[in-house]
Amino acid sequence: MNYWRGKRAVVTGGSAGLGRAVATALVQHGARVMIVARRQAMLDDAAQELRALGGDVLAVAADVTNPDDIGRANAAVHSAWGGLDFFCHCAGRSMRGTVLTTSPDEFQALWNTNFLSAVRCVQAFAKSLASNNGHAVLIGSLASKVAAGYLGAYPASKFSLAALAQQLRIESEFSGLHTLLVCPGPIVRGDLSATGARYADQATEVPAAAYQPGGGAKVRAIDPKWLAEKILRACERRRAELVVPWQSRLLFAAAQISPRLGDWVLRRVTSG
């Protein structure tokens, strides 16, 4: 029996990248999907593609940093389907810069986009998810576990997602809510050739390699379609974390045992 058939899902950041891949995988497995994103044109394009696959799809233009927009999305999914079984928070953004040249306002902006938006969404959807034995998926990063240099406010905003996921697991263990933290390396993007240009207006004081995916992390970029399937399988097994590539756990362990050793290894495998 297909676990996902008929399930009701919400995917933020669902118009592009990993969010679009997760939404596509869900539709292909028979789930009903609401995609949430800010840009209407991209949202419409994604919804059209998903419907062409035979999906029951809702598209809601919303900014996940706006509590009113999150409330509107929550009301829409309950009005259409009576609740939900799966939530995946893919919305977020990265940046480049040093700690000393990244302004507090920039830290606040990334904190709001990458972390507080996840808190707001989880709080809005948790009751329905718990009552349906559902899943809350938080898309972190390898930077949720180790803070490579030259990524500006990004690691601080992703580290907090790891704390949120662990606290949710502990507090919701018997509520029916399953929480999965996903910590992937750099993910293949459609505009991979323009990666450096994405950050050209942000920082001039970082090494050239830091403009590359993952801040120059020496790991193979991940196919978002492959990762989307891994996420769904991890939910079926109600796993706590999904780290890709799995060998990164060795670095995480080294950093916990010896911060100096962890720093040395991190410098070897990133632009730092």
Protein backbone atom coordinates (compact mmCIF):
# COMPACT_ATOMS: atom_id res chain seq x y z
CA MET A 1 0.00 0.00 0.00
CA ASN A 2 1.26 3.48 -0.90
CA TYR A 3 1.78 5.35 2.38
CA TRP A 4 1.32 8.77 0.76
CA ARG A 5 -1.85 8.21 -1.24
CA GLY A 6 -4.49 10.69 -0.11
CA LYS A 7 -2.20 12.38 2.42
CA ARG A 8 -2.54 16.17 2.73
CA ALA A 9 0.71 18.10 2.48
CA VAL A 10 1.96 21.68 2.74
CA VAL A 11 5.34 22.61 1.26
CA THR A 12 6.73 26.09 1.78
CA GLY A 13 9.24 27.25 -0.80
CA GLY A 14 7.32 24.89 -3.07
CA SER A 15 7.75 26.81 -6.33
CA ALA A 16 11.45 26.04 -6.88
CA GLY A 17 14.44 23.98 -5.85
CA LEU A 18 14.08 21.31 -3.20
CA GLY A 19 10.56 22.47 -2.27
CA ARG A 20 9.34 21.91 -5.82
CA ALA A 21 11.06 18.50 -5.90
CA VAL A 22 9.36 17.48 -2.62
CA ALA A 23 5.98 18.63 -3.93
CA THR A 24 6.54 16.68 -7.15
CA ALA A 25 7.49 13.51 -5.26
CA LEU A 26 4.39 13.81 -3.09
CA VAL A 27 2.10 14.22 -6.10
CA GLN A 28 3.74 11.26 -7.81
CA HIS A 29 2.99 9.18 -4.71
CA GLY A 30 -0.65 10.24 -4.70
CA ALA A 31 -0.66 12.97 -2.03
CA ARG A 32 -2.65 16.19 -2.17
CA VAL A 33 -0.28 19.15 -2.03
CA MET A 34 -0.45 22.82 -1.17
CA ILE A 35 2.60 24.75 -2.35
CA VAL A 36 3.39 28.07 -0.70
CA ALA A 37 5.77 30.69 -2.11
CA ARG A 38 6.06 34.44 -2.51
CA ARG A 39 6.42 34.88 -6.28
CA GLN A 40 3.11 34.36 -8.05
CA ALA A 41 4.53 33.61 -11.51
CA MET A 42 6.81 30.83 -10.25
CA LEU A 43 4.02 29.50 -8.03
CA ASP A 44 1.62 29.31 -10.98
CA ASP A 45 4.23 27.56 -13.12
CA ALA A 46 4.91 24.95 -10.42
CA ALA A 47 1.19 24.38 -9.81
CA GLN A 48 0.55 23.88 -13.52
CA GLU A 49 3.37 21.32 -13.73
CA LEU A 50 2.09 19.43 -10.68
CA ARG A 51 -1.49 19.36 -11.98
CA ALA A 52 -0.23 18.01 -15.29
CA LEU A 53 1.06 15.04 -13.29
CA GLY A 54 -2.49 14.46 -12.07
CA GLY A 55 -2.06 16.11 -8.69
CA ASP A 56 -4.72 17.67 -6.49
CA VAL A 57 -2.83 20.92 -5.95
CA LEU A 58 -3.47 24.19 -4.13
CA ALA A 59 -1.17 27.18 -4.67
CA VAL A 60 -1.05 29.93 -2.05
CA ALA A 61 1.05 33.06 -2.55
CA ALA A 62 2.36 33.89 0.91
CA ASP A 63 5.40 35.21 2.73
CA VAL A 64 6.33 32.82 5.55
CA THR A 65 7.85 35.69 7.54
CA ASN A 66 4.36 37.20 7.77
CA PRO A 67 2.18 35.63 10.51
CA ASP A 68 -1.01 36.72 8.73
CA ASP A 69 0.06 34.92 5.55
CA ILE A 70 0.79 31.74 7.50
CA GLY A 71 -2.64 31.95 9.12
CA ARG A 72 -4.20 32.36 5.69
CA ALA A 73 -2.37 29.30 4.35
CA ASN A 74 -3.43 27.28 7.40
CA ALA A 75 -7.06 28.32 6.92
CA ALA A 76 -6.89 27.42 3.22
CA VAL A 77 -5.62 23.87 3.77
CA HIS A 78 -8.20 23.21 6.48
CA SER A 79 -11.01 24.63 4.34
CA ALA A 80 -10.00 22.49 1.36
CA TRP A 81 -9.02 19.22 3.03
CA GLY A 82 -9.96 19.44 6.71
CA GLY A 83 -6.37 19.25 8.00
CA LEU A 84 -2.96 18.00 7.02
CA ASP A 85 -0.60 15.07 7.44
CA PHE A 86 2.73 16.46 6.24
CA PHE A 87 4.50 19.81 6.43
CA CYS A 88 7.88 20.53 4.84
CA HIS A 89 9.58 23.86 5.45
CA CYS A 90 11.85 24.45 2.45
CA ALA A 91 11.60 28.25 2.42
CA GLY A 92 14.85 30.01 3.24
CA ARG A 93 17.90 31.70 1.81
CA SER A 94 21.67 31.77 2.11
CA MET A 95 24.26 34.54 2.00
CA ARG A 96 27.99 35.25 2.00
CA GLY A 97 30.07 37.42 4.33
CA THR A 98 32.15 37.37 7.49
CA VAL A 99 30.77 37.59 11.00
CA LEU A 100 32.43 40.96 11.55
CA THR A 101 31.10 42.56 8.36
CA THR A 102 27.58 41.12 8.50
CA SER A 103 25.32 43.67 10.16
CA PRO A 104 23.01 42.81 13.04
CA ASP A 105 20.12 43.72 10.73
CA GLU A 106 21.28 41.04 8.28
CA PHE A 107 21.50 38.51 11.11
CA GLN A 108 17.95 39.46 12.09
CA ALA A 109 16.69 39.13 8.52
CA LEU A 110 18.12 35.64 8.03
CA TRP A 111 16.98 34.60 11.52
CA ASN A 112 13.46 35.65 10.56
CA THR A 113 13.52 33.95 7.14
CA ASN A 114 15.28 30.71 8.04
CA PHE A 115 14.24 30.15 11.66
CA LEU A 116 11.33 32.21 12.95
CA SER A 117 9.30 31.37 9.85
CA ALA A 118 9.73 27.68 10.73
CA VAL A 119 8.59 28.33 14.30
CA ARG A 120 5.49 30.17 13.08
CA CYS A 121 4.59 27.44 10.59
CA VAL A 122 5.12 24.58 13.04
CA GLN A 123 3.02 26.33 15.67
CA ALA A 124 0.25 26.93 13.11
CA PHE A 125 0.20 23.36 11.74
CA ALA A 126 1.26 21.26 14.76
CA LYS A 127 -2.18 20.53 16.20
CA SER A 128 -3.50 19.09 12.93
CA LEU A 129 -0.27 17.19 12.26
CA ALA A 130 -0.28 15.64 15.73
CA SER A 131 -3.91 14.57 15.51
CA ASN A 132 -3.16 12.81 12.19
CA ASN A 133 0.13 11.20 13.27
CA GLY A 134 1.78 13.52 10.79
CA HIS A 135 5.21 14.82 9.94
CA ALA A 136 6.95 18.18 10.36
CA VAL A 137 10.05 18.34 8.16
CA LEU A 138 12.57 21.12 8.74
CA ILE A 139 15.13 21.65 6.00
CA GLY A 140 18.35 22.61 7.69
CA SER A 141 21.82 22.26 6.26
CA LEU A 142 25.23 20.83 7.06
CA ALA A 143 25.54 24.33 8.54
CA SER A 144 22.95 23.27 11.13
CA LYS A 145 25.75 21.22 12.72
CA VAL A 146 29.03 22.97 11.84
CA ALA A 147 29.62 26.64 11.07
CA ALA A 148 31.86 27.01 8.02
CA GLY A 149 33.44 30.40 7.46
CA TYR A 150 32.26 33.16 5.13
CA LEU A 151 28.57 32.28 5.19
CA GLY A 152 27.55 35.41 7.06
CA ALA A 153 24.44 34.93 9.20
CA TYR A 154 23.48 31.64 7.53
CA PRO A 155 25.00 29.13 10.02
CA ALA A 156 23.50 30.90 13.04
CA SER A 157 20.06 30.81 11.40
CA LYS A 158 20.39 27.10 10.57
CA PHE A 159 21.93 25.97 13.89
CA SER A 160 18.75 27.13 15.58
CA LEU A 161 16.67 24.80 13.40
CA ALA A 162 18.56 21.83 14.86
CA ALA A 163 17.66 22.99 18.36
CA LEU A 164 14.03 23.50 17.35
CA ALA A 165 13.82 20.01 15.86
CA GLN A 166 15.33 18.35 18.93
CA GLN A 167 13.08 20.23 21.34
CA LEU A 168 10.02 19.35 19.25
CA ARG A 169 11.00 15.67 19.26
CA ILE A 170 11.35 15.65 23.04
CA GLU A 171 8.17 17.58 23.78
CA SER A 172 6.01 15.86 21.15
CA GLU A 173 7.23 12.28 21.51
CA PHE A 174 3.82 10.98 22.56
CA SER A 175 1.59 13.51 20.80
CA GLY A 176 1.62 11.88 17.37
CA LEU A 177 3.79 14.59 15.79
CA HIS A 178 6.92 13.30 14.05
CA THR A 179 9.75 15.79 13.47
CA LEU A 180 12.48 15.24 10.88
CA LEU A 181 15.53 17.50 10.58
CA VAL A 182 17.16 17.31 7.13
CA CYS A 183 20.79 18.41 6.92
CA PRO A 184 21.90 18.34 3.27
CA GLY A 185 25.03 19.58 1.59
CA PRO A 186 24.75 21.86 -1.46
CA ILE A 187 21.80 21.01 -3.71
CA VAL A 188 21.92 21.21 -7.50
CA ARG A 189 20.23 24.36 -8.76
CA GLY A 190 18.94 25.19 -12.21
CA ASP A 191 21.13 28.32 -12.24
CA LEU A 192 24.29 26.57 -11.01
CA SER A 193 26.48 28.46 -13.50
CA ALA A 194 25.37 31.75 -11.94
CA THR A 195 26.05 30.72 -8.35
CA GLY A 196 28.85 33.23 -7.85
CA ALA A 197 26.70 36.05 -9.21
CA ARG A 198 24.02 35.31 -6.59
CA TYR A 199 26.27 36.74 -3.88
CA ALA A 200 28.32 39.27 -5.85
CA ASP A 201 26.56 42.24 -4.23
CA GLN A 202 26.89 40.87 -0.68
CA ALA A 203 30.56 40.52 0.15
CA THR A 204 33.95 41.34 -1.35
CA GLU A 205 36.05 40.19 1.60
CA VAL A 206 35.49 36.46 1.24
CA PRO A 207 37.62 33.96 -0.75
CA ALA A 208 36.45 33.26 -4.29
CA ALA A 209 35.71 29.62 -3.40
CA ALA A 210 33.19 30.76 -0.78
CA TYR A 211 30.85 31.94 -3.55
CA GLN A 212 30.43 28.34 -4.72
CA PRO A 213 27.58 26.05 -3.52
CA GLY A 214 27.88 25.23 0.17
CA GLY A 215 30.49 27.94 0.59
CA GLY A 216 32.99 25.84 -1.32
CA ALA A 217 32.24 22.60 0.52
CA LYS A 218 34.15 19.75 -1.14
CA VAL A 219 31.16 17.44 -1.52
CA ARG A 220 29.14 16.47 -4.57
CA ALA A 221 26.03 18.56 -5.16
CA ILE A 222 22.81 16.68 -4.38
CA ASP A 223 20.06 15.92 -6.89
CA PRO A 224 16.89 17.48 -5.36
CA LYS A 225 14.66 14.75 -6.83
CA TRP A 226 16.76 12.05 -5.16
CA LEU A 227 16.76 13.95 -1.87
CA ALA A 228 12.99 14.43 -2.00
CA GLU A 229 12.49 10.66 -2.17
CA LYS A 230 14.92 10.18 0.72
CA ILE A 231 12.90 12.66 2.79
CA LEU A 232 9.64 10.81 2.16
CA ARG A 233 11.21 7.46 3.06
CA ALA A 234 12.69 8.97 6.25
CA CYS A 235 9.20 10.17 7.21
CA GLU A 236 7.71 6.73 6.61
CA ARG A 237 10.29 5.34 9.05
CA ARG A 238 9.78 8.33 11.40
CA ARG A 239 13.49 9.02 11.55
CA ALA A 240 14.81 11.91 13.64
CA GLU A 241 17.45 13.18 11.20
CA LEU A 242 18.57 12.80 7.61
CA VAL A 243 22.16 13.90 6.95
CA VAL A 244 23.45 13.92 3.36
CA PRO A 245 26.19 12.98 2.72
CA TRP A 246 26.16 10.65 5.73
CA GLN A 247 29.97 10.89 6.09
CA SER A 248 29.46 14.44 7.37
CA ARG A 249 28.50 12.86 10.70
CA LEU A 250 32.19 12.07 11.20
CA LEU A 251 32.95 15.79 11.02
CA PHE A 252 30.10 16.55 13.42
CA ALA A 253 31.46 14.00 15.88
CA ALA A 254 35.00 15.35 15.59
CA ALA A 255 33.79 18.89 16.25
CA GLN A 256 31.96 17.76 19.40
CA ILE A 257 34.94 15.81 20.75
CA SER A 258 37.52 18.46 19.91
CA PRO A 259 36.57 21.92 18.62
CA ARG A 260 40.15 22.46 17.41
CA LEU A 261 40.07 19.22 15.45
CA GLY A 262 36.64 20.08 14.06
CA ASP A 263 37.89 23.51 12.92
CA TRP A 264 40.91 21.94 11.24
CA VAL A 265 38.80 19.41 9.34
CA LEU A 266 36.24 22.07 8.37
CA ARG A 267 38.92 24.29 6.91
CA ARG A 268 40.18 21.35 4.85
CA VAL A 269 36.78 20.58 3.32
CA THR A 270 35.42 24.13 2.76
CA SER A 271 36.67 27.49 1.53
CA GLY A 272 37.72 28.31 5.10
